[in-house]
Amino acid sequence: MRQRILRSRLGSLSLRTQLVVLSSLLIALAIAVTALVAISAMRSHLTSQLDEEIQSNAGVITSNLLPSGSEINSTPRLAYTAFLLDSEGNVVHQFSTADESESTPLTGTWPRDRVEKLSATGFTVPSVSGHTQWRIMPFSTDSDQYSVIIATPLTQTNSTVALVGMLTIAFGMATLFAAIAMSWVLVTRAFEPLARVEQTAAKIASGDLSQRIVNYNPYTELGHLSNSLNQMLAHIEEAFDTRKRSEEKMRRFVGDASHELRTPLVSIRGYSELYRHGALQTPEDVGKAMARIEAESKRMGQLVEDLLTLARIDERRVNENTNVDLLKLAQDAAADAFAIAPDREVIVVGLQDPDSDGTTAPVMGDESRLRQVVANLMTNAIRYTPEGSPLEIAVGTDRGPNGLLSVLKVRDHGPGIHGEDRERVFQRFYRADTSRTRETGGTGLGLAIVAAIIAQHDGTIDIEETPGGGATFVLKIPASAEALTER
């Protein structure tokens, strides 16, 4: 339970705080381990020195302590308490040079056999009072009756170890606090770029998609993250812009479509009400009304078909691409135009050589849609040019900046298209000739369909001036691989 609470509290902290806390704990653990090892090593070293000093003075102390020993005029350099024991371990004689404030060591029982077994081995024992510690070392003598225990207080050793311990802990705490402060500064500086990223992300979340994360080393992890985020933001911004344009385009399209569909419906409804109320008295009036209803119905049907075509194109359905020759489409379109308007001269010529019958212009595309493009261009030329004026379709290939292009030009000799009309003629429901009524001017979607289909084929559609007057629609589509191989 405590571990869960600790993890929960640690997880609620910021990443910067978590890193500082974890690094501080690791530093504190390292300092504690180092201090314990150092203090233990020092205590062991001081105790070993004390054992060596006891051993070096054991002979003098033992000679002075034995009843039959010869007195040696030498004074040991350490404070000690010596015990002369009989073979049973009882204290026979005791001598001490230690401070009287030091309590007597608690030596325990040391029979002769135990002394011989552990002779010259040091032990740490408490005092009788329990306030101090002593270092004792048993020694056997040449006499089988006696043995000696020499004890020296560990007061100075413990004081030294305690002082070193206090200094180590104090230095360790100072080092820990310094390390925490330095870690906080370094982590804060290291996290400063992330803070800027966070601020940028907050601005992006508030709706400002133009924000970008800049001025970062592209070779670092943060640089890689910034680059990925910038690419993601670019895609998101592009998607939002595309969606916005699509919504605006859809609203405009729905409004225009509603307006265009309302016109024939109003006409149909008007003539129907006239007939129902008996306002059409003669068979001739009824015939005219029915003819108008039929014409408006056909125009509305054509408008719906055009709308469906544009909807399919906008869905970006995959084209059924095959090898298509624009020359063949031009020849078929010329034959169809002559059948519709036999009073016109419609010819197919070469793009580079006007005296030829056209040259092959292969493309990879959807044949049915490309036929619709040429048909719409021809219908537009016939509708908006004077009766009897000639039409030419020029077909061939031309070298473009990115490779070979298949080109088709529909050239008329009418009033032409000028100024703003040239820029807007490919917009949906736009009519360049405002003098024409909806009854004779079409749906206003023909050229919009042309532009959409050509865009699907990675091509372009432009308008040029026809020499001598008129408009020339120029269609360019990348030539197919067969044409590139031949060239």
Protein backbone atom coordinates (compact mmCIF):
# COMPACT_ATOMS: atom_id res chain seq x y z
CA MET A 1 0.00 0.00 0.00
CA ARG A 2 2.79 2.43 0.94
CA GLN A 3 4.63 1.62 -2.28
CA ARG A 4 1.51 2.38 -4.28
CA ILE A 5 1.01 5.69 -2.48
CA LEU A 6 4.68 6.57 -3.01
CA ARG A 7 4.50 5.71 -6.71
CA SER A 8 1.29 7.71 -7.07
CA ARG A 9 2.79 10.77 -5.43
CA LEU A 10 6.02 10.47 -7.41
CA GLY A 11 4.05 10.03 -10.63
CA SER A 12 2.08 13.22 -9.96
CA LEU A 13 5.27 15.30 -9.92
CA SER A 14 6.68 16.95 -13.00
CA LEU A 15 9.30 15.08 -15.01
CA ARG A 16 11.94 17.63 -14.00
CA THR A 17 11.16 17.14 -10.30
CA GLN A 18 11.15 13.36 -10.69
CA LEU A 19 14.60 13.42 -12.30
CA VAL A 20 15.98 15.69 -9.56
CA VAL A 21 14.46 13.52 -6.81
CA LEU A 22 15.76 10.28 -8.31
CA SER A 23 19.23 11.69 -8.93
CA SER A 24 19.30 13.10 -5.38
CA LEU A 25 18.36 9.72 -3.94
CA LEU A 26 21.12 8.04 -5.94
CA ILE A 27 23.67 10.64 -4.80
CA ALA A 28 22.52 10.32 -1.17
CA LEU A 29 22.83 6.53 -1.39
CA ALA A 30 26.32 6.83 -2.88
CA ILE A 31 27.39 9.27 -0.15
CA ALA A 32 25.97 7.04 2.62
CA VAL A 33 27.70 3.94 1.28
CA THR A 34 30.98 5.85 0.87
CA ALA A 35 30.73 7.23 4.42
CA LEU A 36 30.02 3.80 5.93
CA VAL A 37 32.90 2.20 4.06
CA ALA A 38 35.26 5.01 5.01
CA ILE A 39 34.28 4.95 8.71
CA SER A 40 34.49 1.17 8.86
CA ALA A 41 37.90 1.17 7.18
CA MET A 42 39.19 3.84 9.56
CA ARG A 43 37.91 2.01 12.64
CA SER A 44 39.52 -1.22 11.42
CA HIS A 45 42.80 0.57 10.75
CA LEU A 46 42.90 2.29 14.16
CA THR A 47 41.99 -0.95 15.91
CA SER A 48 44.76 -2.80 14.07
CA GLN A 49 47.25 -0.12 15.10
CA LEU A 50 46.07 -0.46 18.69
CA ASP A 51 46.46 -4.25 18.53
CA GLU A 52 50.01 -3.85 17.25
CA GLU A 53 50.81 -1.42 20.04
CA ILE A 54 49.43 -3.87 22.65
CA GLN A 55 51.53 -6.68 21.19
CA SER A 56 54.66 -4.55 21.14
CA ASN A 57 54.23 -3.68 24.82
CA ALA A 58 53.01 -7.10 25.99
CA GLY A 59 56.47 -8.27 27.07
CA VAL A 60 57.11 -5.26 29.32
CA ILE A 61 53.63 -5.40 30.87
CA THR A 62 53.84 -9.16 31.46
CA SER A 63 57.32 -8.95 33.11
CA ASN A 64 56.14 -6.18 35.41
CA LEU A 65 53.00 -8.12 36.29
CA LEU A 66 54.43 -11.60 37.05
CA PRO A 67 55.46 -12.20 40.67
CA SER A 68 58.71 -13.84 39.69
CA GLY A 69 59.41 -11.54 36.77
CA SER A 70 62.30 -9.19 36.67
CA GLU A 71 61.33 -5.55 36.73
CA ILE A 72 62.06 -3.76 33.47
CA ASN A 73 62.56 -0.07 33.68
CA SER A 74 60.44 0.70 30.64
CA THR A 75 57.04 2.38 30.53
CA PRO A 76 54.53 1.37 27.87
CA ARG A 77 53.30 4.19 25.67
CA LEU A 78 49.63 3.34 26.04
CA ALA A 79 47.12 3.52 28.84
CA TYR A 80 46.24 0.00 29.83
CA THR A 81 44.78 -2.27 32.47
CA ALA A 82 46.49 -5.65 32.91
CA PHE A 83 45.05 -8.72 34.61
CA LEU A 84 47.15 -11.62 35.94
CA LEU A 85 45.05 -14.81 35.81
CA ASP A 86 45.59 -18.24 37.29
CA SER A 87 45.03 -21.44 35.37
CA GLU A 88 41.31 -21.33 36.16
CA GLY A 89 40.92 -17.82 34.86
CA ASN A 90 40.61 -16.06 38.21
CA VAL A 91 42.21 -12.63 38.58
CA VAL A 92 45.25 -12.90 40.79
CA HIS A 93 46.58 -9.42 40.31
CA GLN A 94 45.48 -6.28 38.49
CA PHE A 95 47.42 -3.22 37.41
CA SER A 96 46.16 -0.15 35.56
CA THR A 97 47.66 3.00 34.07
CA ALA A 98 44.39 4.07 32.44
CA ASP A 99 42.43 7.12 33.50
CA GLU A 100 40.51 6.52 36.68
CA SER A 101 37.37 7.82 34.91
CA GLU A 102 37.54 4.83 32.60
CA SER A 103 35.46 1.93 33.89
CA THR A 104 36.96 -1.55 34.24
CA PRO A 105 36.61 -3.70 31.10
CA LEU A 106 34.23 -6.63 31.18
CA THR A 107 36.72 -9.34 30.30
CA GLY A 108 34.73 -12.48 31.13
CA THR A 109 36.25 -15.83 32.04
CA TRP A 110 39.61 -16.80 30.54
CA PRO A 111 40.90 -20.27 31.66
CA ARG A 112 44.40 -21.36 30.65
CA ASP A 113 43.32 -23.47 27.66
CA ARG A 114 41.21 -20.63 26.18
CA VAL A 115 44.08 -18.18 26.55
CA GLU A 116 46.50 -20.50 24.76
CA LYS A 117 43.98 -20.98 21.96
CA LEU A 118 43.31 -17.24 21.45
CA SER A 119 46.68 -15.84 22.52
CA ALA A 120 47.56 -12.44 20.96
CA THR A 121 44.07 -12.10 19.45
CA GLY A 122 42.28 -8.80 19.97
CA PHE A 123 38.65 -8.46 21.07
CA THR A 124 36.40 -5.46 21.64
CA VAL A 125 34.39 -5.66 24.87
CA PRO A 126 32.22 -3.20 26.81
CA SER A 127 33.14 -1.79 30.20
CA VAL A 128 31.49 -2.83 33.41
CA SER A 129 29.55 0.44 33.44
CA GLY A 130 28.67 0.03 29.76
CA HIS A 131 29.67 3.62 28.86
CA THR A 132 32.96 2.84 27.15
CA GLN A 133 34.59 0.14 25.05
CA TRP A 134 37.89 -1.65 25.60
CA ARG A 135 40.22 -3.59 23.38
CA ILE A 136 41.49 -6.72 25.19
CA MET A 137 44.14 -9.23 24.14
CA PRO A 138 45.03 -12.44 26.08
CA PHE A 139 48.63 -13.68 26.32
CA SER A 140 50.03 -16.97 27.66
CA THR A 141 53.20 -16.90 29.73
CA ASP A 142 56.13 -19.24 30.23
CA SER A 143 54.64 -20.26 33.54
CA ASP A 144 51.87 -22.80 33.43
CA GLN A 145 50.24 -21.15 36.43
CA TYR A 146 49.59 -17.73 34.97
CA SER A 147 48.24 -15.95 31.93
CA VAL A 148 47.79 -12.24 31.21
CA ILE A 149 45.03 -10.12 29.67
CA ILE A 150 45.96 -6.63 28.57
CA ALA A 151 43.13 -4.14 27.94
CA THR A 152 43.26 -0.58 26.63
CA PRO A 153 40.32 1.81 26.33
CA LEU A 154 38.89 2.65 22.87
CA THR A 155 37.85 6.13 23.95
CA GLN A 156 40.32 7.97 21.74
CA THR A 157 39.71 5.60 18.83
CA ASN A 158 35.93 6.01 19.10
CA SER A 159 36.32 9.79 19.39
CA THR A 160 38.45 9.88 16.26
CA VAL A 161 36.00 7.66 14.38
CA ALA A 162 33.06 9.76 15.60
CA LEU A 163 34.78 12.98 14.50
CA VAL A 164 35.59 11.56 11.10
CA GLY A 165 32.01 10.29 10.85
CA MET A 166 30.58 13.70 11.69
CA LEU A 167 32.86 15.39 9.18
CA THR A 168 31.99 12.81 6.55
CA ILE A 169 28.26 13.22 7.13
CA ALA A 170 28.54 17.02 7.15
CA PHE A 171 30.59 17.02 3.96
CA GLY A 172 28.21 14.48 2.43
CA MET A 173 25.16 16.60 3.30
CA ALA A 174 26.83 19.69 1.85
CA THR A 175 27.73 17.71 -1.26
CA LEU A 176 24.17 16.39 -1.49
CA PHE A 177 22.62 19.86 -1.25
CA ALA A 178 25.09 21.19 -3.79
CA ALA A 179 24.33 18.25 -6.08
CA ILE A 180 20.57 18.84 -5.71
CA ALA A 181 20.96 22.52 -6.55
CA MET A 182 23.22 21.75 -9.50
CA SER A 183 20.91 18.99 -10.70
CA TRP A 184 17.93 21.35 -10.54
CA VAL A 185 19.80 23.99 -12.55
CA LEU A 186 21.11 21.52 -15.13
CA VAL A 187 17.79 19.71 -15.52
CA THR A 188 15.98 23.04 -15.79
CA ARG A 189 18.37 24.15 -18.52
CA ALA A 190 18.10 20.78 -20.24
CA PHE A 191 14.31 20.94 -20.07
CA GLU A 192 14.13 24.55 -21.28
CA PRO A 193 13.75 23.47 -24.93
CA LEU A 194 10.98 21.08 -23.86
CA ALA A 195 9.31 23.97 -22.05
CA ARG A 196 9.39 25.96 -25.29
CA VAL A 197 7.98 22.96 -27.10
CA GLU A 198 5.23 22.80 -24.49
CA GLN A 199 4.46 26.50 -24.96
CA THR A 200 4.36 26.05 -28.73
CA ALA A 201 2.09 23.02 -28.34
CA ALA A 202 -0.23 25.08 -26.12
CA LYS A 203 -0.49 27.76 -28.80
CA ILE A 204 -1.18 25.08 -31.38
CA ALA A 205 -3.84 23.55 -29.14
CA SER A 206 -5.49 26.97 -28.89
CA GLY A 207 -5.90 26.97 -32.67
CA ASP A 208 -2.75 28.64 -34.03
CA LEU A 209 -1.57 25.95 -36.46
CA SER A 210 1.04 28.27 -37.97
CA GLN A 211 3.34 27.78 -34.96
CA ARG A 212 6.55 25.81 -35.54
CA ILE A 213 9.35 24.50 -33.32
CA VAL A 214 12.59 26.10 -34.54
CA ASN A 215 16.25 26.65 -33.62
CA TYR A 216 17.05 23.12 -32.47
CA ASN A 217 20.03 20.97 -33.38
CA PRO A 218 18.65 18.52 -35.96
CA TYR A 219 21.12 15.84 -34.85
CA THR A 220 19.80 15.60 -31.26
CA GLU A 221 16.77 13.71 -29.99
CA LEU A 222 14.96 17.01 -29.44
CA GLY A 223 15.86 18.05 -32.96
CA HIS A 224 14.39 14.81 -34.35
CA LEU A 225 11.26 15.35 -32.23
CA SER A 226 10.96 18.96 -33.42
CA ASN A 227 11.35 17.93 -37.04
CA SER A 228 8.71 15.21 -36.69
CA LEU A 229 6.33 17.60 -34.91
CA ASN A 230 6.84 20.27 -37.58
CA GLN A 231 6.09 17.77 -40.33
CA MET A 232 3.01 16.60 -38.46
CA LEU A 233 1.87 20.20 -37.95
CA ALA A 234 2.40 20.95 -41.64
CA HIS A 235 0.21 17.97 -42.56
CA ILE A 236 -2.43 18.98 -40.00
CA GLU A 237 -2.44 22.60 -41.19
CA GLU A 238 -2.66 21.48 -44.78
CA ALA A 239 -5.51 19.12 -43.89
CA PHE A 240 -7.37 21.89 -42.07
CA ASP A 241 -6.83 24.30 -44.96
CA THR A 242 -7.98 21.66 -47.42
CA ARG A 243 -11.02 20.95 -45.30
CA LYS A 244 -11.80 24.64 -45.01
CA ARG A 245 -11.46 25.17 -48.74
CA SER A 246 -13.53 22.07 -49.37
CA GLU A 247 -16.27 23.27 -47.03
CA GLU A 248 -16.29 26.73 -48.61
CA LYS A 249 -16.29 25.18 -52.05
CA MET A 250 -19.09 22.80 -51.06
CA ARG A 251 -21.21 25.61 -49.60
CA ARG A 252 -20.72 27.68 -52.72
CA PHE A 253 -21.41 24.68 -54.91
CA VAL A 254 -24.59 23.75 -53.04
CA GLY A 255 -25.80 27.35 -53.22
CA ASP A 256 -25.09 27.60 -56.95
CA ALA A 257 -26.62 24.18 -57.62
CA SER A 258 -29.73 25.09 -55.66
CA HIS A 259 -30.05 28.32 -57.62
CA GLU A 260 -29.52 26.62 -60.96
CA LEU A 261 -31.99 23.83 -60.18
CA ARG A 262 -34.58 26.29 -58.91
CA THR A 263 -34.82 28.05 -62.29
CA PRO A 264 -36.07 25.10 -64.37
CA LEU A 265 -38.27 23.93 -61.50
CA VAL A 266 -39.91 27.35 -61.30
CA SER A 267 -40.54 27.29 -65.05
CA ILE A 268 -41.99 23.78 -64.93
CA ARG A 269 -44.16 24.65 -61.95
CA GLY A 270 -45.36 27.89 -63.63
CA TYR A 271 -46.42 26.22 -66.86
CA SER A 272 -48.03 23.38 -64.88
CA GLU A 273 -50.10 25.83 -62.83
CA LEU A 274 -51.14 27.71 -65.98
CA TYR A 275 -52.35 24.46 -67.47
CA ARG A 276 -54.11 23.41 -64.26
CA HIS A 277 -55.92 26.74 -63.93
CA GLY A 278 -57.06 26.63 -67.57
CA ALA A 279 -55.04 29.65 -68.67
CA LEU A 280 -53.87 27.78 -71.77
CA GLN A 281 -56.92 28.08 -74.00
CA THR A 282 -55.68 26.87 -77.37
CA PRO A 283 -53.90 23.71 -78.41
CA GLU A 284 -51.03 25.92 -79.62
CA ASP A 285 -50.59 27.43 -76.14
CA VAL A 286 -50.67 23.98 -74.58
CA GLY A 287 -48.08 22.71 -77.06
CA LYS A 288 -45.75 25.63 -76.32
CA ALA A 289 -46.14 25.06 -72.58
CA MET A 290 -45.41 21.35 -72.89
CA ALA A 291 -42.40 22.09 -75.11
CA ARG A 292 -41.05 24.47 -72.48
CA ILE A 293 -41.66 21.94 -69.71
CA GLU A 294 -39.83 19.29 -71.74
CA ALA A 295 -36.91 21.63 -72.48
CA GLU A 296 -36.56 22.63 -68.83
CA SER A 297 -36.77 18.99 -67.76
CA LYS A 298 -33.98 18.07 -70.16
CA ARG A 299 -31.84 20.98 -68.98
CA MET A 300 -32.42 20.01 -65.35
CA GLY A 301 -31.52 16.41 -66.19
CA GLN A 302 -28.32 17.58 -67.89
CA LEU A 303 -27.53 19.75 -64.89
CA VAL A 304 -27.98 16.77 -62.53
CA GLU A 305 -25.75 14.64 -64.74
CA ASP A 306 -23.06 17.32 -64.72
CA LEU A 307 -23.33 17.62 -60.94
CA LEU A 308 -22.96 13.86 -60.56
CA THR A 309 -19.92 13.92 -62.84
CA LEU A 310 -18.25 16.61 -60.76
CA ALA A 311 -19.13 14.75 -57.56
CA ARG A 312 -17.46 11.59 -58.90
CA ILE A 313 -14.39 13.57 -59.91
CA ASP A 314 -14.20 15.25 -56.51
CA GLU A 315 -14.25 11.80 -54.87
CA ARG A 316 -10.96 11.16 -56.69
CA ARG A 317 -11.96 7.72 -57.84
CA VAL A 318 -9.24 5.71 -59.52
CA ASN A 319 -9.28 6.19 -63.28
CA GLU A 320 -9.47 3.21 -65.61
CA ASN A 321 -6.30 4.27 -67.41
CA THR A 322 -5.35 2.86 -70.78
CA ASN A 323 -3.27 4.05 -73.70
CA VAL A 324 -5.33 6.73 -75.42
CA ASP A 325 -4.43 8.67 -78.57
CA LEU A 326 -5.70 12.25 -78.50
CA LEU A 327 -5.62 12.25 -82.31
CA LYS A 328 -8.32 9.55 -82.38
CA LEU A 329 -10.44 11.51 -79.91
CA ALA A 330 -10.04 14.66 -81.99
CA GLN A 331 -11.11 12.89 -85.17
CA ASP A 332 -14.21 11.44 -83.49
CA ALA A 333 -15.09 14.82 -81.94
CA ALA A 334 -14.76 16.51 -85.35
CA ALA A 335 -17.12 13.97 -86.89
CA ASP A 336 -19.65 14.45 -84.07
CA ALA A 337 -19.46 18.25 -84.39
CA PHE A 338 -20.07 18.09 -88.15
CA ALA A 339 -23.13 15.92 -87.50
CA ILE A 340 -24.48 18.48 -85.01
CA ALA A 341 -23.59 21.58 -87.06
CA PRO A 342 -23.26 20.59 -90.72
CA ASP A 343 -22.95 24.25 -91.73
CA ARG A 344 -19.54 24.48 -90.04
CA GLU A 345 -16.14 23.43 -91.29
CA VAL A 346 -14.49 21.28 -88.60
CA ILE A 347 -10.98 20.02 -89.39
CA VAL A 348 -8.17 18.24 -87.56
CA VAL A 349 -4.66 19.61 -88.17
CA GLY A 350 -1.16 18.97 -86.91
CA LEU A 351 0.18 20.90 -83.97
CA GLN A 352 3.43 21.84 -85.73
CA ASP A 353 2.26 21.44 -89.34
CA PRO A 354 -1.18 23.01 -90.02
CA ASP A 355 -1.24 21.38 -93.47
CA SER A 356 -1.15 17.85 -92.04
CA ASP A 357 -4.10 15.86 -90.68
CA GLY A 358 -2.66 15.85 -87.15
CA THR A 359 -0.04 13.72 -85.48
CA THR A 360 -0.39 11.01 -82.87
CA ALA A 361 -0.49 12.19 -79.24
CA PRO A 362 -0.58 9.17 -76.89
CA VAL A 363 -1.41 9.57 -73.22
CA MET A 364 -2.16 7.24 -70.33
CA GLY A 365 -5.67 8.07 -69.14
CA ASP A 366 -9.37 7.30 -68.83
CA GLU A 367 -10.67 7.26 -72.39
CA SER A 368 -14.32 7.96 -71.54
CA ARG A 369 -13.48 11.02 -69.46
CA LEU A 370 -11.00 12.35 -72.01
CA ARG A 371 -13.69 11.98 -74.69
CA GLN A 372 -15.99 14.00 -72.44
CA VAL A 373 -13.31 16.72 -72.22
CA VAL A 374 -12.99 17.04 -76.01
CA ALA A 375 -16.78 16.87 -76.42
CA ASN A 376 -17.34 19.63 -73.86
CA LEU A 377 -14.75 21.85 -75.54
CA MET A 378 -16.38 21.33 -78.93
CA THR A 379 -19.88 21.93 -77.54
CA ASN A 380 -18.67 25.14 -75.88
CA ALA A 381 -17.06 26.30 -79.15
CA ILE A 382 -20.21 25.60 -81.18
CA ARG A 383 -22.51 27.26 -78.61
CA TYR A 384 -20.55 30.51 -78.18
CA THR A 385 -19.40 31.21 -81.75
CA PRO A 386 -21.36 32.52 -84.73
CA GLU A 387 -23.15 29.97 -86.89
CA GLY A 388 -21.11 28.83 -89.85
CA SER A 389 -17.73 29.85 -88.35
CA PRO A 390 -15.01 27.19 -88.79
CA LEU A 391 -13.42 25.15 -86.00
CA GLU A 392 -9.99 23.52 -85.90
CA ILE A 393 -8.57 20.85 -83.64
CA ALA A 394 -4.76 20.80 -83.54
CA VAL A 395 -3.13 17.64 -82.17
CA GLY A 396 0.49 16.69 -81.60
CA THR A 397 3.31 16.55 -79.07
CA ASP A 398 5.54 19.26 -77.68
CA ARG A 399 8.58 19.37 -75.41
CA GLY A 400 7.73 20.73 -71.94
CA PRO A 401 9.98 21.67 -68.99
CA ASN A 402 9.41 18.24 -67.38
CA GLY A 403 9.31 16.07 -70.47
CA LEU A 404 7.24 15.34 -73.54
CA LEU A 405 3.60 16.54 -73.59
CA SER A 406 0.65 15.46 -75.68
CA VAL A 407 -1.22 18.61 -76.78
CA LEU A 408 -4.74 19.16 -78.12
CA LYS A 409 -6.01 22.63 -79.12
CA VAL A 410 -9.64 23.51 -79.88
CA ARG A 411 -9.54 26.71 -81.93
CA ASP A 412 -12.60 28.81 -82.74
CA HIS A 413 -13.09 32.13 -84.55
CA GLY A 414 -15.71 33.75 -82.35
CA PRO A 415 -15.65 36.80 -80.08
CA GLY A 416 -12.98 35.23 -77.84
CA ILE A 417 -12.59 35.30 -74.07
CA HIS A 418 -10.93 38.31 -72.47
CA GLY A 419 -9.98 39.85 -69.13
CA GLU A 420 -11.57 38.46 -65.99
CA ASP A 421 -13.59 35.95 -67.97
CA ARG A 422 -10.40 34.12 -68.95
CA GLU A 423 -9.48 33.62 -65.29
CA ARG A 424 -12.96 32.54 -64.14
CA VAL A 425 -14.28 30.60 -67.10
CA PHE A 426 -13.32 27.25 -65.51
CA GLN A 427 -15.24 27.99 -62.31
CA ARG A 428 -18.46 26.13 -61.69
CA PHE A 429 -21.69 27.82 -62.87
CA TYR A 430 -19.74 30.71 -64.38
CA ARG A 431 -20.84 31.98 -67.81
CA ALA A 432 -18.53 34.24 -69.74
CA ASP A 433 -21.30 35.45 -72.08
CA THR A 434 -23.84 37.09 -69.77
CA SER A 435 -25.99 38.15 -72.69
CA ARG A 436 -27.06 34.55 -73.23
CA THR A 437 -29.97 33.16 -71.28
CA ARG A 438 -29.96 29.88 -69.38
CA GLU A 439 -32.09 28.44 -72.13
CA THR A 440 -29.22 28.76 -74.64
CA GLY A 441 -26.17 29.06 -72.39
CA GLY A 442 -25.91 25.54 -70.96
CA THR A 443 -25.46 24.59 -67.33
CA GLY A 444 -22.23 26.49 -66.70
CA LEU A 445 -20.47 23.27 -65.65
CA GLY A 446 -18.94 22.07 -68.91
CA LEU A 447 -15.58 23.82 -68.60
CA ALA A 448 -15.45 23.10 -64.85
CA ILE A 449 -15.75 19.40 -65.69
CA VAL A 450 -12.98 19.80 -68.28
CA ALA A 451 -10.64 21.42 -65.75
CA ALA A 452 -11.37 18.76 -63.12
CA ILE A 453 -10.74 15.83 -65.48
CA ILE A 454 -7.52 17.34 -66.86
CA ALA A 455 -6.28 17.90 -63.30
CA GLN A 456 -6.95 14.21 -62.59
CA HIS A 457 -4.63 13.36 -65.47
CA ASP A 458 -1.84 15.67 -64.18
CA GLY A 459 -2.42 17.98 -67.12
CA THR A 460 -3.25 21.66 -67.68
CA ILE A 461 -5.93 23.59 -69.59
CA ASP A 462 -5.34 27.19 -70.72
CA ILE A 463 -6.87 29.74 -73.06
CA GLU A 464 -5.00 31.53 -75.85
CA GLU A 465 -5.99 34.13 -78.38
CA THR A 466 -6.77 32.75 -81.82
CA PRO A 467 -4.91 34.65 -84.57
CA GLY A 468 -7.48 36.83 -86.28
CA GLY A 469 -9.88 36.65 -83.33
CA GLY A 470 -11.39 33.91 -81.24
CA ALA A 471 -10.42 31.62 -78.35
CA THR A 472 -8.12 28.60 -78.36
CA PHE A 473 -8.40 26.09 -75.53
CA VAL A 474 -5.00 24.40 -75.03
CA LEU A 475 -4.99 20.99 -73.34
CA LYS A 476 -1.63 19.49 -72.26
CA ILE A 477 -1.16 16.03 -70.71
CA PRO A 478 2.13 14.18 -70.06
CA ALA A 479 2.80 11.81 -72.94
CA SER A 480 2.71 8.07 -72.27
CA ALA A 481 5.81 5.89 -71.98
CA GLU A 482 5.42 4.64 -75.57
CA ALA A 483 5.75 8.18 -76.89
CA LEU A 484 8.76 8.86 -74.69
CA THR A 485 10.43 5.69 -75.98
CA GLU A 486 9.83 6.63 -79.56
CA ARG A 487 11.21 10.12 -79.06
